[in-house]
Amino acid sequence: MKRRRYTCGLDAAVDVMGGKWKALILWALQDGAHRFAEVRREVPGISERMLILSLRELQAAGVVHREDHHEVPPKVEYSLTPFGSSLVAAMLPLGEWGERNMAKIEAIPRD
C-alpha cells in the first residue's frame, strides 16, 4: 500500500478496506481466526485469486494477521489484528444500517 495524504478520515478508512471484498473478508474474520477455505466459504462469490490478493493487502495494511503453523498438511490461519478489530468495530453500525434497510436497498433498480 502506497503512502499518501488523505482528505478526511473516511478517505483513509476506505483506502484500507476499500472495495467489496475486503470489507466482507473483515466481516468474516470478526468471529476469530479462520483458515483460507473457511474465509472463502464465508465470502460467497470471491475467486481464490481475489481472496489471496485481498488478504495480502489487508495483511500489509496491518489489519489482518497471517499465522503459518508450519505443519503437514499446511495450516495457515488469518485473524484480525487489534488495528483490524477497531476497523470492524467502526463497520458494525454500517452493517446494522444495511440490515435494517436491506429490503429497500434490494428494491433499488439497477442497470
PDB file of N, CA and C in Angstrom:
ATOM      1  N   MET A   1       0.849  -1.171   0.000  1.00  0.00           N
ATOM      2  CA  MET A   1       0.000   0.000   0.000  1.00  0.00           C
ATOM      3  C   MET A   1       0.898   1.238   0.000  1.00  0.00           C
ATOM      4  N   LYS A   2       0.666   2.149  -0.915  1.00  0.00           N
ATOM      5  CA  LYS A   2       1.472   3.352  -1.032  1.00  0.00           C
ATOM      6  C   LYS A   2       1.068   4.352   0.045  1.00  0.00           C
ATOM      7  N   ARG A   3       2.042   5.116   0.502  1.00  0.00           N
ATOM      8  CA  ARG A   3       1.741   6.196   1.448  1.00  0.00           C
ATOM      9  C   ARG A   3       1.131   7.349   0.676  1.00  0.00           C
ATOM     10  N   ARG A   4       0.135   7.945   1.291  1.00  0.00           N
ATOM     11  CA  ARG A   4      -0.472   9.112   0.654  1.00  0.00           C
ATOM     12  C   ARG A   4      -1.116   9.985   1.708  1.00  0.00           C
ATOM     13  N   ARG A   5      -1.463  11.160   1.329  1.00  0.00           N
ATOM     14  CA  ARG A   5      -2.175  12.086   2.209  1.00  0.00           C
ATOM     15  C   ARG A   5      -3.662  11.893   1.971  1.00  0.00           C
ATOM     16  N   TYR A   6      -4.443  11.972   3.029  1.00  0.00           N
ATOM     17  CA  TYR A   6      -5.889  11.782   2.934  1.00  0.00           C
ATOM     18  C   TYR A   6      -6.611  13.095   3.149  1.00  0.00           C
ATOM     19  N   THR A   7      -7.786  13.197   2.540  1.00  0.00           N
ATOM     20  CA  THR A   7      -8.577  14.422   2.670  1.00  0.00           C
ATOM     21  C   THR A   7      -9.444  14.402   3.925  1.00  0.00           C
ATOM     22  N   CYS A   8      -9.743  13.196   4.425  1.00  0.00           N
ATOM     23  CA  CYS A   8     -10.534  13.066   5.648  1.00  0.00           C
ATOM     24  C   CYS A   8     -10.390  11.641   6.176  1.00  0.00           C
ATOM     25  N   GLY A   9     -10.930  11.390   7.350  1.00  0.00           N
ATOM     26  CA  GLY A   9     -10.845  10.068   7.954  1.00  0.00           C
ATOM     27  C   GLY A   9     -11.521   8.989   7.135  1.00  0.00           C
ATOM     28  N   LEU A  10     -12.633   9.312   6.517  1.00  0.00           N
ATOM     29  CA  LEU A  10     -13.333   8.325   5.691  1.00  0.00           C
ATOM     30  C   LEU A  10     -12.472   7.923   4.496  1.00  0.00           C
ATOM     31  N   ASP A  11     -11.777   8.878   3.924  1.00  0.00           N
ATOM     32  CA  ASP A  11     -10.868   8.603   2.813  1.00  0.00           C
ATOM     33  C   ASP A  11      -9.796   7.604   3.251  1.00  0.00           C
ATOM     34  N   ALA A  12      -9.241   7.785   4.435  1.00  0.00           N
ATOM     35  CA  ALA A  12      -8.212   6.881   4.954  1.00  0.00           C
ATOM     36  C   ALA A  12      -8.783   5.490   5.205  1.00  0.00           C
ATOM     37  N   ALA A  13      -9.963   5.415   5.827  1.00  0.00           N
ATOM     38  CA  ALA A  13     -10.581   4.121   6.130  1.00  0.00           C
ATOM     39  C   ALA A  13     -10.919   3.353   4.860  1.00  0.00           C
ATOM     40  N   VAL A  14     -11.471   4.043   3.865  1.00  0.00           N
ATOM     41  CA  VAL A  14     -11.846   3.388   2.607  1.00  0.00           C
ATOM     42  C   VAL A  14     -10.601   2.904   1.868  1.00  0.00           C
ATOM     43  N   ASP A  15      -9.475   3.599   2.028  1.00  0.00           N
ATOM     44  CA  ASP A  15      -8.241   3.155   1.394  1.00  0.00           C
ATOM     45  C   ASP A  15      -7.805   1.800   1.954  1.00  0.00           C
ATOM     46  N   VAL A  16      -8.003   1.587   3.251  1.00  0.00           N
ATOM     47  CA  VAL A  16      -7.622   0.319   3.882  1.00  0.00           C
ATOM     48  C   VAL A  16      -8.598  -0.790   3.533  1.00  0.00           C
ATOM     49  N   MET A  17      -9.888  -0.513   3.612  1.00  0.00           N
ATOM     50  CA  MET A  17     -10.893  -1.564   3.442  1.00  0.00           C
ATOM     51  C   MET A  17     -11.670  -1.433   2.152  1.00  0.00           C
ATOM     52  N   GLY A  18     -11.195  -0.587   1.239  1.00  0.00           N
ATOM     53  CA  GLY A  18     -11.909  -0.297   0.014  1.00  0.00           C
ATOM     54  C   GLY A  18     -12.282  -1.512  -0.809  1.00  0.00           C
ATOM     55  N   GLY A  19     -13.353  -1.384  -1.520  1.00  0.00           N
ATOM     56  CA  GLY A  19     -13.834  -2.458  -2.372  1.00  0.00           C
ATOM     57  C   GLY A  19     -14.760  -3.396  -1.636  1.00  0.00           C
ATOM     58  N   LYS A  20     -15.500  -4.122  -2.401  1.00  0.00           N
ATOM     59  CA  LYS A  20     -16.492  -5.047  -1.857  1.00  0.00           C
ATOM     60  C   LYS A  20     -15.854  -6.172  -1.047  1.00  0.00           C
ATOM     61  N   TRP A  21     -14.788  -6.752  -1.544  1.00  0.00           N
ATOM     62  CA  TRP A  21     -14.257  -7.976  -0.958  1.00  0.00           C
ATOM     63  C   TRP A  21     -13.571  -7.765   0.376  1.00  0.00           C
ATOM     64  N   LYS A  22     -12.788  -6.721   0.514  1.00  0.00           N
ATOM     65  CA  LYS A  22     -12.054  -6.523   1.760  1.00  0.00           C
ATOM     66  C   LYS A  22     -12.994  -6.338   2.942  1.00  0.00           C
ATOM     67  N   ALA A  23     -14.038  -5.571   2.753  1.00  0.00           N
ATOM     68  CA  ALA A  23     -14.999  -5.371   3.845  1.00  0.00           C
ATOM     69  C   ALA A  23     -15.648  -6.695   4.237  1.00  0.00           C
ATOM     70  N   LEU A  24     -15.987  -7.518   3.255  1.00  0.00           N
ATOM     71  CA  LEU A  24     -16.609  -8.810   3.549  1.00  0.00           C
ATOM     72  C   LEU A  24     -15.630  -9.773   4.208  1.00  0.00           C
ATOM     73  N   ILE A  25     -14.372  -9.711   3.832  1.00  0.00           N
ATOM     74  CA  ILE A  25     -13.347 -10.538   4.480  1.00  0.00           C
ATOM     75  C   ILE A  25     -13.198 -10.121   5.939  1.00  0.00           C
ATOM     76  N   LEU A  26     -13.122  -8.831   6.184  1.00  0.00           N
ATOM     77  CA  LEU A  26     -13.019  -8.346   7.560  1.00  0.00           C
ATOM     78  C   LEU A  26     -14.229  -8.777   8.378  1.00  0.00           C
ATOM     79  N   TRP A  27     -15.398  -8.695   7.775  1.00  0.00           N
ATOM     80  CA  TRP A  27     -16.640  -9.098   8.447  1.00  0.00           C
ATOM     81  C   TRP A  27     -16.575 -10.581   8.822  1.00  0.00           C
ATOM     82  N   ALA A  28     -16.050 -11.396   7.906  1.00  0.00           N
ATOM     83  CA  ALA A  28     -15.943 -12.837   8.157  1.00  0.00           C
ATOM     84  C   ALA A  28     -14.964 -13.146   9.286  1.00  0.00           C
ATOM     85  N   LEU A  29     -13.927 -12.346   9.424  1.00  0.00           N
ATOM     86  CA  LEU A  29     -12.899 -12.605  10.433  1.00  0.00           C
ATOM     87  C   LEU A  29     -13.241 -12.051  11.814  1.00  0.00           C
ATOM     88  N   GLN A  30     -14.360 -11.358  11.938  1.00  0.00           N
ATOM     89  CA  GLN A  30     -14.687 -10.757  13.225  1.00  0.00           C
ATOM     90  C   GLN A  30     -14.955 -11.793  14.314  1.00  0.00           C
ATOM     91  N   ASP A  31     -15.275 -13.024  13.932  1.00  0.00           N
ATOM     92  CA  ASP A  31     -15.575 -14.069  14.908  1.00  0.00           C
ATOM     93  C   ASP A  31     -14.340 -14.833  15.357  1.00  0.00           C
ATOM     94  N   GLY A  32     -13.174 -14.518  14.830  1.00  0.00           N
ATOM     95  CA  GLY A  32     -11.950 -15.209  15.216  1.00  0.00           C
ATOM     96  C   GLY A  32     -11.181 -15.711  14.015  1.00  0.00           C
ATOM     97  N   ALA A  33     -10.101 -16.456  14.298  1.00  0.00           N
ATOM     98  CA  ALA A  33      -9.212 -16.947  13.254  1.00  0.00           C
ATOM     99  C   ALA A  33      -9.929 -17.938  12.341  1.00  0.00           C
ATOM    100  N   HIS A  34      -9.620 -17.837  11.053  1.00  0.00           N
ATOM    101  CA  HIS A  34     -10.184 -18.734  10.044  1.00  0.00           C
ATOM    102  C   HIS A  34      -9.076 -19.198   9.116  1.00  0.00           C
ATOM    103  N   ARG A  35      -9.204 -20.423   8.655  1.00  0.00           N
ATOM    104  CA  ARG A  35      -8.320 -20.914   7.607  1.00  0.00           C
ATOM    105  C   ARG A  35      -8.809 -20.359   6.277  1.00  0.00           C
ATOM    106  N   PHE A  36      -7.941 -20.424   5.262  1.00  0.00           N
ATOM    107  CA  PHE A  36      -8.237 -19.847   3.952  1.00  0.00           C
ATOM    108  C   PHE A  36      -9.582 -20.332   3.410  1.00  0.00           C
ATOM    109  N   ALA A  37      -9.805 -21.644   3.424  1.00  0.00           N
ATOM    110  CA  ALA A  37     -11.044 -22.211   2.871  1.00  0.00           C
ATOM    111  C   ALA A  37     -12.267 -21.731   3.643  1.00  0.00           C
ATOM    112  N   GLU A  38     -12.112 -21.530   4.945  1.00  0.00           N
ATOM    113  CA  GLU A  38     -13.235 -21.031   5.752  1.00  0.00           C
ATOM    114  C   GLU A  38     -13.578 -19.603   5.359  1.00  0.00           C
ATOM    115  N   VAL A  39     -12.557 -18.785   5.147  1.00  0.00           N
ATOM    116  CA  VAL A  39     -12.808 -17.402   4.722  1.00  0.00           C
ATOM    117  C   VAL A  39     -13.502 -17.414   3.367  1.00  0.00           C
ATOM    118  N   ARG A  40     -13.048 -18.266   2.475  1.00  0.00           N
ATOM    119  CA  ARG A  40     -13.647 -18.333   1.135  1.00  0.00           C
ATOM    120  C   ARG A  40     -15.118 -18.728   1.205  1.00  0.00           C
ATOM    121  N   ARG A  41     -15.458 -19.662   2.084  1.00  0.00           N
ATOM    122  CA  ARG A  41     -16.868 -20.052   2.248  1.00  0.00           C
ATOM    123  C   ARG A  41     -17.708 -18.922   2.832  1.00  0.00           C
ATOM    124  N   GLU A  42     -17.095 -18.117   3.698  1.00  0.00           N
ATOM    125  CA  GLU A  42     -17.802 -17.005   4.337  1.00  0.00           C
ATOM    126  C   GLU A  42     -18.024 -15.828   3.381  1.00  0.00           C
ATOM    127  N   VAL A  43     -17.278 -15.796   2.280  1.00  0.00           N
ATOM    128  CA  VAL A  43     -17.368 -14.688   1.322  1.00  0.00           C
ATOM    129  C   VAL A  43     -17.785 -15.264  -0.033  1.00  0.00           C
ATOM    130  N   PRO A  44     -19.069 -15.564  -0.204  1.00  0.00           N
ATOM    131  CA  PRO A  44     -19.527 -16.179  -1.453  1.00  0.00           C
ATOM    132  C   PRO A  44     -19.239 -15.292  -2.667  1.00  0.00           C
ATOM    133  N   GLY A  45     -18.792 -15.929  -3.735  1.00  0.00           N
ATOM    134  CA  GLY A  45     -18.562 -15.215  -4.983  1.00  0.00           C
ATOM    135  C   GLY A  45     -17.139 -14.748  -5.191  1.00  0.00           C
ATOM    136  N   ILE A  46     -16.322 -14.756  -4.159  1.00  0.00           N
ATOM    137  CA  ILE A  46     -14.941 -14.293  -4.323  1.00  0.00           C
ATOM    138  C   ILE A  46     -14.113 -15.404  -4.962  1.00  0.00           C
ATOM    139  N   SER A  47     -13.257 -15.018  -5.890  1.00  0.00           N
ATOM    140  CA  SER A  47     -12.371 -16.004  -6.515  1.00  0.00           C
ATOM    141  C   SER A  47     -11.183 -16.253  -5.584  1.00  0.00           C
ATOM    142  N   GLU A  48     -10.527 -17.368  -5.787  1.00  0.00           N
ATOM    143  CA  GLU A  48      -9.354 -17.697  -4.977  1.00  0.00           C
ATOM    144  C   GLU A  48      -8.278 -16.629  -5.144  1.00  0.00           C
ATOM    145  N   ARG A  49      -8.063 -16.205  -6.375  1.00  0.00           N
ATOM    146  CA  ARG A  49      -7.055 -15.175  -6.658  1.00  0.00           C
ATOM    147  C   ARG A  49      -7.373 -13.867  -5.942  1.00  0.00           C
ATOM    148  N   MET A  50      -8.628 -13.435  -5.998  1.00  0.00           N
ATOM    149  CA  MET A  50      -9.014 -12.177  -5.359  1.00  0.00           C
ATOM    150  C   MET A  50      -8.891 -12.280  -3.838  1.00  0.00           C
ATOM    151  N   LEU A  51      -9.223 -13.446  -3.286  1.00  0.00           N
ATOM    152  CA  LEU A  51      -9.095 -13.631  -1.844  1.00  0.00           C
ATOM    153  C   LEU A  51      -7.623 -13.549  -1.436  1.00  0.00           C
ATOM    154  N   ILE A  52      -6.763 -14.205  -2.191  1.00  0.00           N
ATOM    155  CA  ILE A  52      -5.324 -14.159  -1.895  1.00  0.00           C
ATOM    156  C   ILE A  52      -4.809 -12.722  -1.941  1.00  0.00           C
ATOM    157  N   LEU A  53      -5.138 -11.994  -3.009  1.00  0.00           N
ATOM    158  CA  LEU A  53      -4.691 -10.602  -3.152  1.00  0.00           C
ATOM    159  C   LEU A  53      -5.231  -9.719  -2.033  1.00  0.00           C
ATOM    160  N   SER A  54      -6.498  -9.875  -1.717  1.00  0.00           N
ATOM    161  CA  SER A  54      -7.119  -9.047  -0.678  1.00  0.00           C
ATOM    162  C   SER A  54      -6.523  -9.338   0.689  1.00  0.00           C
ATOM    163  N   LEU A  55      -6.311 -10.611   1.013  1.00  0.00           N
ATOM    164  CA  LEU A  55      -5.695 -10.961   2.296  1.00  0.00           C
ATOM    165  C   LEU A  55      -4.277 -10.394   2.393  1.00  0.00           C
ATOM    166  N   ARG A  56      -3.534 -10.438   1.300  1.00  0.00           N
ATOM    167  CA  ARG A  56      -2.177  -9.879   1.303  1.00  0.00           C
ATOM    168  C   ARG A  56      -2.206  -8.380   1.547  1.00  0.00           C
ATOM    169  N   GLU A  57      -3.140  -7.682   0.891  1.00  0.00           N
ATOM    170  CA  GLU A  57      -3.240  -6.232   1.069  1.00  0.00           C
ATOM    171  C   GLU A  57      -3.679  -5.885   2.490  1.00  0.00           C
ATOM    172  N   LEU A  58      -4.610  -6.646   3.036  1.00  0.00           N
ATOM    173  CA  LEU A  58      -5.053  -6.403   4.409  1.00  0.00           C
ATOM    174  C   LEU A  58      -3.938  -6.701   5.400  1.00  0.00           C
ATOM    175  N   GLN A  59      -3.145  -7.701   5.105  1.00  0.00           N
ATOM    176  CA  GLN A  59      -2.001  -8.028   5.954  1.00  0.00           C
ATOM    177  C   GLN A  59      -0.959  -6.901   5.881  1.00  0.00           C
ATOM    178  N   ALA A  60      -0.685  -6.414   4.683  1.00  0.00           N
ATOM    179  CA  ALA A  60       0.281  -5.328   4.501  1.00  0.00           C
ATOM    180  C   ALA A  60      -0.162  -4.053   5.207  1.00  0.00           C
ATOM    181  N   ALA A  61      -1.472  -3.855   5.308  1.00  0.00           N
ATOM    182  CA  ALA A  61      -2.010  -2.673   5.987  1.00  0.00           C
ATOM    183  C   ALA A  61      -2.016  -2.837   7.503  1.00  0.00           C
ATOM    184  N   GLY A  62      -1.679  -4.040   7.980  1.00  0.00           N
ATOM    185  CA  GLY A  62      -1.656  -4.267   9.419  1.00  0.00           C
ATOM    186  C   GLY A  62      -3.003  -4.568  10.024  1.00  0.00           C
ATOM    187  N   VAL A  63      -3.964  -4.928   9.180  1.00  0.00           N
ATOM    188  CA  VAL A  63      -5.336  -5.173   9.618  1.00  0.00           C
ATOM    189  C   VAL A  63      -5.570  -6.659   9.883  1.00  0.00           C
ATOM    190  N   VAL A  64      -4.892  -7.510   9.120  1.00  0.00           N
ATOM    191  CA  VAL A  64      -5.049  -8.966   9.229  1.00  0.00           C
ATOM    192  C   VAL A  64      -3.692  -9.578   9.562  1.00  0.00           C
ATOM    193  N   HIS A  65      -3.738 -10.575  10.435  1.00  0.00           N
ATOM    194  CA  HIS A  65      -2.536 -11.336  10.800  1.00  0.00           C
ATOM    195  C   HIS A  65      -2.603 -12.713  10.148  1.00  0.00           C
ATOM    196  N   ARG A  66      -1.492 -13.149   9.566  1.00  0.00           N
ATOM    197  CA  ARG A  66      -1.393 -14.475   8.953  1.00  0.00           C
ATOM    198  C   ARG A  66      -0.496 -15.331   9.821  1.00  0.00           C
ATOM    199  N   GLU A  67      -1.032 -16.432  10.312  1.00  0.00           N
ATOM    200  CA  GLU A  67      -0.281 -17.352  11.171  1.00  0.00           C
ATOM    201  C   GLU A  67      -0.044 -18.651  10.416  1.00  0.00           C
ATOM    202  N   ASP A  68       1.223 -18.933  10.110  1.00  0.00           N
ATOM    203  CA  ASP A  68       1.609 -20.181   9.451  1.00  0.00           C
ATOM    204  C   ASP A  68       2.085 -21.132  10.539  1.00  0.00           C
ATOM    205  N   HIS A  69       1.382 -22.246  10.717  1.00  0.00           N
ATOM    206  CA  HIS A  69       1.687 -23.182  11.793  1.00  0.00           C
ATOM    207  C   HIS A  69       2.777 -24.179  11.417  1.00  0.00           C
ATOM    208  N   HIS A  70       3.301 -24.107  10.202  1.00  0.00           N
ATOM    209  CA  HIS A  70       4.399 -24.980   9.736  1.00  0.00           C
ATOM    210  C   HIS A  70       4.111 -26.447  10.021  1.00  0.00           C
ATOM    211  N   GLU A  71       2.948 -26.886   9.558  1.00  0.00           N
ATOM    212  CA  GLU A  71       2.540 -28.275   9.729  1.00  0.00           C
ATOM    213  C   GLU A  71       2.379 -28.931   8.370  1.00  0.00           C
ATOM    214  N   VAL A  72       2.314 -30.257   8.394  1.00  0.00           N
ATOM    215  CA  VAL A  72       1.983 -31.022   7.200  1.00  0.00           C
ATOM    216  C   VAL A  72       0.726 -31.803   7.535  1.00  0.00           C
ATOM    217  N   PRO A  73      -0.377 -31.599   6.816  1.00  0.00           N
ATOM    218  CA  PRO A  73      -0.547 -30.641   5.715  1.00  0.00           C
ATOM    219  C   PRO A  73      -0.480 -29.201   6.227  1.00  0.00           C
ATOM    220  N   PRO A  74      -0.188 -28.283   5.308  1.00  0.00           N
ATOM    221  CA  PRO A  74      -0.038 -26.881   5.702  1.00  0.00           C
ATOM    222  C   PRO A  74      -1.280 -26.347   6.419  1.00  0.00           C
ATOM    223  N   LYS A  75      -1.037 -25.583   7.469  1.00  0.00           N
ATOM    224  CA  LYS A  75      -2.133 -24.945   8.207  1.00  0.00           C
ATOM    225  C   LYS A  75      -1.786 -23.473   8.371  1.00  0.00           C
ATOM    226  N   VAL A  76      -2.606 -22.626   7.754  1.00  0.00           N
ATOM    227  CA  VAL A  76      -2.445 -21.181   7.835  1.00  0.00           C
ATOM    228  C   VAL A  76      -3.775 -20.610   8.304  1.00  0.00           C
ATOM    229  N   GLU A  77      -3.713 -19.720   9.277  1.00  0.00           N
ATOM    230  CA  GLU A  77      -4.923 -19.073   9.776  1.00  0.00           C
ATOM    231  C   GLU A  77      -4.794 -17.561   9.644  1.00  0.00           C
ATOM    232  N   TYR A  78      -5.919 -16.940   9.399  1.00  0.00           N
ATOM    233  CA  TYR A  78      -5.993 -15.487   9.288  1.00  0.00           C
ATOM    234  C   TYR A  78      -6.883 -14.975  10.409  1.00  0.00           C
ATOM    235  N   SER A  79      -6.454 -13.869  11.018  1.00  0.00           N
ATOM    236  CA  SER A  79      -7.237 -13.259  12.087  1.00  0.00           C
ATOM    237  C   SER A  79      -7.051 -11.753  12.038  1.00  0.00           C
ATOM    238  N   LEU A  80      -7.911 -11.061  12.745  1.00  0.00           N
ATOM    239  CA  LEU A  80      -7.803  -9.610  12.822  1.00  0.00           C
ATOM    240  C   LEU A  80      -6.731  -9.224  13.832  1.00  0.00           C
ATOM    241  N   THR A  81      -5.985  -8.201  13.520  1.00  0.00           N
ATOM    242  CA  THR A  81      -5.080  -7.588  14.489  1.00  0.00           C
ATOM    243  C   THR A  81      -5.932  -6.660  15.363  1.00  0.00           C
ATOM    244  N   PRO A  82      -5.392  -6.132  16.445  1.00  0.00           N
ATOM    245  CA  PRO A  82      -6.150  -5.128  17.210  1.00  0.00           C
ATOM    246  C   PRO A  82      -6.566  -3.933  16.336  1.00  0.00           C
ATOM    247  N   PHE A  83      -5.690  -3.542  15.421  1.00  0.00           N
ATOM    248  CA  PHE A  83      -5.998  -2.465  14.474  1.00  0.00           C
ATOM    249  C   PHE A  83      -7.186  -2.863  13.598  1.00  0.00           C
ATOM    250  N   GLY A  84      -7.183  -4.117  13.128  1.00  0.00           N
ATOM    251  CA  GLY A  84      -8.290  -4.627  12.317  1.00  0.00           C
ATOM    252  C   GLY A  84      -9.586  -4.725  13.107  1.00  0.00           C
ATOM    253  N   SER A  85      -9.492  -5.144  14.365  1.00  0.00           N
ATOM    254  CA  SER A  85     -10.694  -5.221  15.211  1.00  0.00           C
ATOM    255  C   SER A  85     -11.308  -3.847  15.408  1.00  0.00           C
ATOM    256  N   SER A  86     -10.466  -2.826  15.529  1.00  0.00           N
ATOM    257  CA  SER A  86     -11.004  -1.468  15.681  1.00  0.00           C
ATOM    258  C   SER A  86     -11.704  -1.013  14.402  1.00  0.00           C
ATOM    259  N   LEU A  87     -11.209  -1.457  13.250  1.00  0.00           N
ATOM    260  CA  LEU A  87     -11.859  -1.130  11.981  1.00  0.00           C
ATOM    261  C   LEU A  87     -13.215  -1.832  11.870  1.00  0.00           C
ATOM    262  N   VAL A  88     -13.264  -3.110  12.255  1.00  0.00           N
ATOM    263  CA  VAL A  88     -14.529  -3.848  12.218  1.00  0.00           C
ATOM    264  C   VAL A  88     -15.536  -3.213  13.179  1.00  0.00           C
ATOM    265  N   ALA A  89     -15.071  -2.762  14.342  1.00  0.00           N
ATOM    266  CA  ALA A  89     -15.969  -2.090  15.285  1.00  0.00           C
ATOM    267  C   ALA A  89     -16.585  -0.838  14.650  1.00  0.00           C
ATOM    268  N   ALA A  90     -15.804  -0.153  13.843  1.00  0.00           N
ATOM    269  CA  ALA A  90     -16.325   1.024  13.143  1.00  0.00           C
ATOM    270  C   ALA A  90     -17.301   0.638  12.038  1.00  0.00           C
ATOM    271  N   MET A  91     -17.143  -0.574  11.483  1.00  0.00           N
ATOM    272  CA  MET A  91     -18.023  -1.052  10.411  1.00  0.00           C
ATOM    273  C   MET A  91     -19.372  -1.548  10.945  1.00  0.00           C
ATOM    274  N   LEU A  92     -19.427  -1.928  12.218  1.00  0.00           N
ATOM    275  CA  LEU A  92     -20.656  -2.514  12.771  1.00  0.00           C
ATOM    276  C   LEU A  92     -21.897  -1.653  12.577  1.00  0.00           C
ATOM    277  N   PRO A  93     -21.851  -0.341  12.871  1.00  0.00           N
ATOM    278  CA  PRO A  93     -23.054   0.469  12.634  1.00  0.00           C
ATOM    279  C   PRO A  93     -23.483   0.483  11.166  1.00  0.00           C
ATOM    280  N   LEU A  94     -22.523   0.453  10.253  1.00  0.00           N
ATOM    281  CA  LEU A  94     -22.858   0.414   8.830  1.00  0.00           C
ATOM    282  C   LEU A  94     -23.545  -0.904   8.483  1.00  0.00           C
ATOM    283  N   GLY A  95     -23.046  -2.014   9.026  1.00  0.00           N
ATOM    284  CA  GLY A  95     -23.679  -3.310   8.808  1.00  0.00           C
ATOM    285  C   GLY A  95     -25.088  -3.360   9.368  1.00  0.00           C
ATOM    286  N   GLU A  96     -25.284  -2.766  10.539  1.00  0.00           N
ATOM    287  CA  GLU A  96     -26.623  -2.714  11.140  1.00  0.00           C
ATOM    288  C   GLU A  96     -27.566  -1.881  10.282  1.00  0.00           C
ATOM    289  N   TRP A  97     -27.064  -0.767   9.757  1.00  0.00           N
ATOM    290  CA  TRP A  97     -27.875   0.068   8.870  1.00  0.00           C
ATOM    291  C   TRP A  97     -28.279  -0.737   7.642  1.00  0.00           C
ATOM    292  N   GLY A  98     -27.325  -1.487   7.089  1.00  0.00           N
ATOM    293  CA  GLY A  98     -27.621  -2.316   5.924  1.00  0.00           C
ATOM    294  C   GLY A  98     -28.674  -3.369   6.222  1.00  0.00           C
ATOM    295  N   GLU A  99     -28.593  -3.995   7.394  1.00  0.00           N
ATOM    296  CA  GLU A  99     -29.601  -4.992   7.794  1.00  0.00           C
ATOM    297  C   GLU A  99     -30.987  -4.357   7.874  1.00  0.00           C
ATOM    298  N   ARG A 100     -31.071  -3.194   8.514  1.00  0.00           N
ATOM    299  CA  ARG A 100     -32.366  -2.512   8.671  1.00  0.00           C
ATOM    300  C   ARG A 100     -32.963  -2.079   7.332  1.00  0.00           C
ATOM    301  N   ASN A 101     -32.125  -1.799   6.374  1.00  0.00           N
ATOM    302  CA  ASN A 101     -32.593  -1.240   5.104  1.00  0.00           C
ATOM    303  C   ASN A 101     -32.404  -2.172   3.915  1.00  0.00           C
ATOM    304  N   MET A 102     -32.129  -3.439   4.169  1.00  0.00           N
ATOM    305  CA  MET A 102     -31.814  -4.373   3.090  1.00  0.00           C
ATOM    306  C   MET A 102     -32.930  -4.473   2.053  1.00  0.00           C
ATOM    307  N   ALA A 103     -34.177  -4.578   2.498  1.00  0.00           N
ATOM    308  CA  ALA A 103     -35.293  -4.699   1.547  1.00  0.00           C
ATOM    309  C   ALA A 103     -35.375  -3.478   0.631  1.00  0.00           C
ATOM    310  N   LYS A 104     -35.219  -2.302   1.214  1.00  0.00           N
ATOM    311  CA  LYS A 104     -35.265  -1.066   0.419  1.00  0.00           C
ATOM    312  C   LYS A 104     -34.095  -1.015  -0.563  1.00  0.00           C
ATOM    313  N   ILE A 105     -32.918  -1.425  -0.116  1.00  0.00           N
ATOM    314  CA  ILE A 105     -31.739  -1.412  -0.970  1.00  0.00           C
ATOM    315  C   ILE A 105     -31.885  -2.425  -2.105  1.00  0.00           C
ATOM    316  N   GLU A 106     -32.412  -3.620  -1.784  1.00  0.00           N
ATOM    317  CA  GLU A 106     -32.609  -4.637  -2.821  1.00  0.00           C
ATOM    318  C   GLU A 106     -33.640  -4.204  -3.867  1.00  0.00           C
ATOM    319  N   ALA A 107     -34.563  -3.314  -3.484  1.00  0.00           N
ATOM    320  CA  ALA A 107     -35.600  -2.853  -4.409  1.00  0.00           C
ATOM    321  C   ALA A 107     -35.125  -1.736  -5.340  1.00  0.00           C
ATOM    322  N   ILE A 108     -33.935  -1.219  -5.114  1.00  0.00           N
ATOM    323  CA  ILE A 108     -33.406  -0.152  -5.971  1.00  0.00           C
ATOM    324  C   ILE A 108     -33.128  -0.712  -7.359  1.00  0.00           C
ATOM    325  N   PRO A 109     -33.702  -0.107  -8.405  1.00  0.00           N
ATOM    326  CA  PRO A 109     -33.442  -0.591  -9.777  1.00  0.00           C
ATOM    327  C   PRO A 109     -31.959  -0.456 -10.137  1.00  0.00           C
ATOM    328  N   ARG A 110     -31.415  -1.461 -10.766  1.00  0.00           N
ATOM    329  CA  ARG A 110     -30.007  -1.458 -11.205  1.00  0.00           C
ATOM    330  C   ARG A 110     -29.972  -1.528 -12.733  1.00  0.00           C
ATOM    331  N   ASP A 111     -28.903  -1.007 -13.279  1.00  0.00           N
ATOM    332  CA  ASP A 111     -28.721  -1.054 -14.740  1.00  0.00           C
ATOM    333  C   ASP A 111     -28.408  -2.454 -15.208  1.00  0.00           C
TER     334      ASP A 111
END
